[in-house]
N, C-alpha and C. Protein backbone atom coordinates (compact mmCIF):
# COMPACT_ATOMS: atom_id res chain seq x y z
N UNK A 1 228.74 -23.70 246.80
CA UNK A 1 229.22 -23.07 245.60
C UNK A 1 230.66 -23.50 245.28
N UNK A 2 231.49 -23.63 246.33
CA UNK A 2 232.87 -24.02 246.09
C UNK A 2 232.99 -25.43 245.50
N UNK A 3 232.16 -26.41 245.93
CA UNK A 3 232.28 -27.72 245.30
C UNK A 3 231.93 -27.69 243.81
N UNK A 4 230.99 -26.85 243.42
CA UNK A 4 230.63 -26.78 242.00
C UNK A 4 231.78 -26.18 241.20
N UNK A 5 232.42 -25.15 241.72
CA UNK A 5 233.57 -24.54 241.04
C UNK A 5 234.72 -25.55 240.96
N UNK A 6 234.92 -26.27 242.04
CA UNK A 6 235.97 -27.30 242.05
C UNK A 6 235.69 -28.37 241.01
N UNK A 7 234.43 -28.79 240.88
CA UNK A 7 234.06 -29.79 239.90
C UNK A 7 234.26 -29.28 238.47
N UNK A 8 233.89 -28.03 238.24
CA UNK A 8 234.09 -27.43 236.92
C UNK A 8 235.57 -27.34 236.56
N UNK A 9 236.38 -26.93 237.51
CA UNK A 9 237.83 -26.83 237.26
C UNK A 9 238.40 -28.22 237.01
N UNK A 10 237.99 -29.20 237.81
CA UNK A 10 238.48 -30.56 237.65
C UNK A 10 238.12 -31.09 236.26
N UNK A 11 236.87 -30.91 235.85
CA UNK A 11 236.45 -31.42 234.53
C UNK A 11 237.15 -30.68 233.40
N UNK A 12 237.38 -29.38 233.57
CA UNK A 12 238.05 -28.61 232.53
C UNK A 12 239.51 -29.03 232.38
N UNK A 13 240.14 -29.38 233.48
CA UNK A 13 241.56 -29.72 233.45
C UNK A 13 241.81 -31.17 233.08
N UNK A 14 241.01 -32.09 233.60
CA UNK A 14 241.31 -33.52 233.44
C UNK A 14 240.40 -34.25 232.45
N UNK A 15 239.14 -33.94 232.40
CA UNK A 15 238.22 -34.73 231.59
C UNK A 15 238.15 -34.24 230.15
N UNK A 16 238.05 -32.95 229.91
CA UNK A 16 237.90 -32.43 228.55
C UNK A 16 239.09 -32.74 227.65
N UNK A 17 240.35 -32.60 228.10
CA UNK A 17 241.46 -32.94 227.20
C UNK A 17 241.47 -34.42 226.81
N UNK A 18 241.08 -35.30 227.73
CA UNK A 18 241.08 -36.73 227.44
C UNK A 18 240.01 -37.05 226.40
N UNK A 19 238.82 -36.52 226.57
CA UNK A 19 237.76 -36.79 225.61
C UNK A 19 238.09 -36.18 224.25
N UNK A 20 238.76 -35.06 224.23
CA UNK A 20 239.15 -34.45 222.95
C UNK A 20 240.18 -35.31 222.23
N UNK A 21 241.07 -35.94 222.98
CA UNK A 21 242.08 -36.78 222.33
C UNK A 21 241.46 -38.05 221.76
N UNK A 22 240.40 -38.58 222.39
CA UNK A 22 239.73 -39.76 221.86
C UNK A 22 238.89 -39.41 220.64
N UNK A 23 238.48 -38.18 220.51
CA UNK A 23 237.65 -37.77 219.39
C UNK A 23 238.46 -37.49 218.13
N UNK A 24 239.78 -37.48 218.22
CA UNK A 24 240.61 -37.18 217.06
C UNK A 24 240.51 -38.30 216.04
N UNK A 25 240.77 -37.94 214.79
CA UNK A 25 240.76 -38.91 213.72
C UNK A 25 242.01 -39.77 213.84
N UNK A 26 241.84 -41.10 213.88
CA UNK A 26 242.98 -41.99 214.05
C UNK A 26 243.51 -42.49 212.72
N UNK A 27 243.25 -41.79 211.63
CA UNK A 27 243.74 -42.19 210.32
C UNK A 27 245.05 -41.49 209.99
N UNK A 28 245.98 -41.53 210.92
CA UNK A 28 247.28 -40.93 210.71
C UNK A 28 248.11 -41.83 209.81
N UNK A 29 248.84 -41.23 208.92
CA UNK A 29 249.73 -41.96 208.03
C UNK A 29 251.16 -41.53 208.28
N UNK A 30 252.02 -42.52 208.49
CA UNK A 30 253.44 -42.25 208.68
C UNK A 30 254.15 -42.64 207.40
N UNK A 31 254.84 -41.68 206.79
CA UNK A 31 255.59 -41.95 205.56
C UNK A 31 257.07 -41.91 205.91
N UNK A 32 257.74 -43.03 205.69
CA UNK A 32 259.16 -43.14 206.00
C UNK A 32 259.95 -42.77 204.77
N UNK A 33 260.80 -41.73 204.85
CA UNK A 33 261.56 -41.32 203.67
C UNK A 33 262.63 -42.34 203.30
N UNK A 34 262.91 -42.41 202.03
CA UNK A 34 263.94 -43.32 201.54
C UNK A 34 265.31 -42.71 201.80
N UNK A 35 266.24 -43.52 202.28
CA UNK A 35 267.59 -43.05 202.59
C UNK A 35 268.40 -42.83 201.31
N UNK A 36 268.35 -43.81 200.42
CA UNK A 36 269.14 -43.71 199.19
C UNK A 36 268.24 -43.26 198.05
N UNK A 37 268.71 -42.34 197.23
CA UNK A 37 267.89 -41.87 196.11
C UNK A 37 267.80 -42.93 195.02
N UNK A 38 266.76 -42.85 194.25
CA UNK A 38 266.59 -43.79 193.14
C UNK A 38 267.64 -43.51 192.08
N UNK A 39 268.08 -44.55 191.43
CA UNK A 39 269.09 -44.38 190.38
C UNK A 39 268.42 -43.89 189.10
N UNK A 40 269.23 -43.48 188.15
CA UNK A 40 268.72 -42.89 186.92
C UNK A 40 268.10 -43.92 186.00
N UNK A 41 268.53 -45.19 186.09
CA UNK A 41 267.96 -46.19 185.19
C UNK A 41 266.52 -46.48 185.59
N UNK A 42 265.70 -46.72 184.61
CA UNK A 42 264.27 -46.92 184.86
C UNK A 42 263.89 -48.37 184.55
N UNK A 43 264.66 -49.32 185.05
CA UNK A 43 264.32 -50.72 184.81
C UNK A 43 263.05 -51.07 185.59
N UNK A 44 262.29 -52.03 185.13
CA UNK A 44 261.05 -52.39 185.82
C UNK A 44 261.28 -52.83 187.27
N UNK A 45 262.40 -53.51 187.52
CA UNK A 45 262.69 -53.97 188.88
C UNK A 45 262.94 -52.77 189.80
N UNK A 46 263.68 -51.78 189.33
CA UNK A 46 263.96 -50.59 190.12
C UNK A 46 262.67 -49.82 190.39
N UNK A 47 261.84 -49.70 189.39
CA UNK A 47 260.57 -48.99 189.58
C UNK A 47 259.66 -49.73 190.55
N UNK A 48 259.68 -51.06 190.51
CA UNK A 48 258.85 -51.84 191.42
C UNK A 48 259.33 -51.68 192.86
N UNK A 49 260.66 -51.60 193.05
CA UNK A 49 261.20 -51.45 194.41
C UNK A 49 261.01 -50.05 194.96
N UNK A 50 260.83 -49.06 194.08
CA UNK A 50 260.64 -47.69 194.54
C UNK A 50 259.17 -47.31 194.69
N UNK A 51 258.28 -48.24 194.42
CA UNK A 51 256.86 -47.98 194.56
C UNK A 51 256.50 -47.86 196.04
N UNK A 52 255.71 -46.87 196.39
CA UNK A 52 255.30 -46.64 197.78
C UNK A 52 254.19 -47.63 198.14
N UNK A 53 254.39 -48.36 199.25
CA UNK A 53 253.43 -49.36 199.72
C UNK A 53 252.99 -48.97 201.12
N UNK A 54 251.68 -48.84 201.33
CA UNK A 54 251.14 -48.49 202.65
C UNK A 54 250.49 -49.73 203.26
N UNK A 55 250.78 -49.97 204.53
CA UNK A 55 250.20 -51.11 205.23
C UNK A 55 249.11 -50.62 206.17
N UNK A 56 248.09 -51.44 206.33
CA UNK A 56 246.94 -51.09 207.16
C UNK A 56 247.36 -50.91 208.62
N UNK A 57 246.65 -50.06 209.35
CA UNK A 57 247.00 -49.86 210.75
C UNK A 57 246.74 -51.13 211.57
N UNK A 58 247.60 -51.32 212.56
CA UNK A 58 247.47 -52.45 213.49
C UNK A 58 247.12 -51.90 214.86
N UNK A 59 246.51 -52.71 215.72
CA UNK A 59 246.25 -52.24 217.08
C UNK A 59 247.56 -51.97 217.81
N UNK A 60 247.61 -50.87 218.53
CA UNK A 60 248.79 -50.54 219.32
C UNK A 60 248.83 -51.43 220.55
N UNK A 61 250.01 -51.73 221.03
CA UNK A 61 250.16 -52.60 222.17
C UNK A 61 249.56 -51.96 223.42
N UNK A 62 248.77 -52.72 224.14
CA UNK A 62 248.20 -52.25 225.39
C UNK A 62 246.92 -51.45 225.21
N UNK A 63 246.40 -51.39 223.99
CA UNK A 63 245.18 -50.63 223.75
C UNK A 63 244.41 -51.27 222.61
N UNK A 64 243.15 -50.92 222.49
CA UNK A 64 242.35 -51.44 221.40
C UNK A 64 242.32 -50.50 220.21
N UNK A 65 242.97 -49.35 220.33
CA UNK A 65 242.99 -48.36 219.27
C UNK A 65 244.02 -48.73 218.21
N UNK A 66 243.72 -48.36 216.99
CA UNK A 66 244.63 -48.66 215.89
C UNK A 66 245.76 -47.65 215.84
N UNK A 67 246.91 -48.11 215.43
CA UNK A 67 248.06 -47.23 215.25
C UNK A 67 247.98 -46.56 213.89
N UNK A 68 249.04 -45.88 213.51
CA UNK A 68 249.02 -45.17 212.22
C UNK A 68 249.24 -46.13 211.06
N UNK A 69 248.83 -45.70 209.89
CA UNK A 69 249.12 -46.41 208.66
C UNK A 69 250.55 -46.06 208.28
N UNK A 70 251.37 -47.05 207.93
CA UNK A 70 252.79 -46.81 207.66
C UNK A 70 253.05 -47.02 206.18
N UNK A 71 253.69 -46.02 205.55
CA UNK A 71 254.01 -46.08 204.13
C UNK A 71 255.53 -46.06 203.96
N UNK A 72 256.03 -47.04 203.21
CA UNK A 72 257.46 -47.14 202.89
C UNK A 72 257.56 -47.63 201.45
N UNK A 73 258.77 -47.50 200.89
CA UNK A 73 258.98 -48.08 199.57
C UNK A 73 259.08 -49.59 199.71
N UNK A 74 258.84 -50.29 198.61
CA UNK A 74 258.92 -51.75 198.64
C UNK A 74 260.32 -52.20 199.06
N UNK A 75 261.34 -51.45 198.63
CA UNK A 75 262.72 -51.79 199.01
C UNK A 75 262.89 -51.71 200.52
N UNK A 76 262.29 -50.70 201.18
CA UNK A 76 262.39 -50.57 202.63
C UNK A 76 261.65 -51.70 203.35
N UNK A 77 260.46 -52.08 202.83
CA UNK A 77 259.74 -53.21 203.44
C UNK A 77 260.54 -54.50 203.29
N UNK A 78 261.17 -54.70 202.12
CA UNK A 78 261.98 -55.90 201.91
C UNK A 78 263.17 -55.93 202.85
N UNK A 79 263.84 -54.78 203.03
CA UNK A 79 265.00 -54.73 203.93
C UNK A 79 264.57 -55.01 205.37
N UNK A 80 263.44 -54.47 205.80
CA UNK A 80 262.95 -54.71 207.16
C UNK A 80 262.61 -56.19 207.36
N UNK A 81 261.99 -56.80 206.36
CA UNK A 81 261.66 -58.22 206.42
C UNK A 81 262.94 -59.07 206.50
N UNK A 82 263.93 -58.72 205.68
CA UNK A 82 265.19 -59.46 205.67
C UNK A 82 265.91 -59.36 207.02
N UNK A 83 265.95 -58.15 207.60
CA UNK A 83 266.61 -57.98 208.89
C UNK A 83 265.90 -58.75 210.00
N UNK A 84 264.58 -58.77 209.99
CA UNK A 84 263.83 -59.52 211.00
C UNK A 84 264.07 -61.03 210.84
N UNK A 85 264.13 -61.48 209.59
CA UNK A 85 264.38 -62.89 209.32
C UNK A 85 265.78 -63.29 209.80
N UNK A 86 266.77 -62.45 209.51
CA UNK A 86 268.14 -62.73 209.95
C UNK A 86 268.24 -62.78 211.48
N UNK A 87 267.59 -61.84 212.16
CA UNK A 87 267.63 -61.82 213.63
C UNK A 87 266.96 -63.06 214.20
N UNK A 88 265.85 -63.49 213.60
CA UNK A 88 265.15 -64.68 214.06
C UNK A 88 266.02 -65.92 213.89
N UNK A 89 266.64 -66.05 212.72
CA UNK A 89 267.51 -67.21 212.47
C UNK A 89 268.71 -67.21 213.41
N UNK A 90 269.26 -66.05 213.70
CA UNK A 90 270.40 -65.95 214.62
C UNK A 90 269.99 -66.40 216.02
N UNK A 91 268.85 -65.94 216.49
CA UNK A 91 268.39 -66.31 217.82
C UNK A 91 268.03 -67.79 217.90
N UNK A 92 267.48 -68.35 216.83
CA UNK A 92 267.12 -69.76 216.85
C UNK A 92 268.36 -70.65 216.80
N UNK A 93 269.39 -70.23 216.10
CA UNK A 93 270.57 -71.07 215.97
C UNK A 93 271.42 -71.08 217.24
N UNK A 94 271.43 -69.98 217.99
CA UNK A 94 272.27 -69.99 219.19
C UNK A 94 271.52 -70.54 220.40
N UNK A 95 270.20 -70.53 220.39
CA UNK A 95 269.39 -71.12 221.45
C UNK A 95 269.41 -70.32 222.73
N UNK A 96 268.46 -70.62 223.58
CA UNK A 96 268.36 -69.97 224.89
C UNK A 96 268.31 -71.03 225.97
N UNK A 97 268.71 -70.66 227.18
CA UNK A 97 268.67 -71.59 228.30
C UNK A 97 267.24 -71.69 228.83
N UNK A 98 266.96 -72.73 229.61
CA UNK A 98 265.62 -72.92 230.14
C UNK A 98 265.23 -71.82 231.11
N UNK A 99 266.22 -71.10 231.67
CA UNK A 99 265.90 -70.02 232.59
C UNK A 99 265.48 -68.76 231.84
N UNK A 100 265.53 -68.77 230.52
CA UNK A 100 265.14 -67.61 229.72
C UNK A 100 266.31 -66.72 229.37
N UNK A 101 267.51 -67.06 229.82
CA UNK A 101 268.70 -66.26 229.52
C UNK A 101 269.28 -66.74 228.20
N UNK A 102 269.49 -65.80 227.30
CA UNK A 102 270.07 -66.14 225.99
C UNK A 102 271.53 -65.68 225.96
N UNK A 103 272.45 -66.58 225.55
CA UNK A 103 273.85 -66.17 225.46
C UNK A 103 274.05 -65.12 224.38
N UNK A 104 274.98 -64.23 224.60
CA UNK A 104 275.22 -63.14 223.64
C UNK A 104 276.15 -63.56 222.57
């Protein structure tokens, strides 16, 4: 009788929470708020940059499950792209040693 109770307790504590977490809906959406408010002028370029753009979920690192869908304004996506491009160009221009150490 004690092994059956032990098995029930084990499954209630360790197995059920894990299966419940896998059963959750993975269609989570992350909306990143804009830091700067939109200006009063309603030019087409300003409106295009303030449009909310959502990107499809990507697989999370180390797992086959998809991550959340991320929504940002076009201006935020452009800024993120620009920063990544600048960092890449900086790292390529200074180079790294063959040992894998990159000078600061």
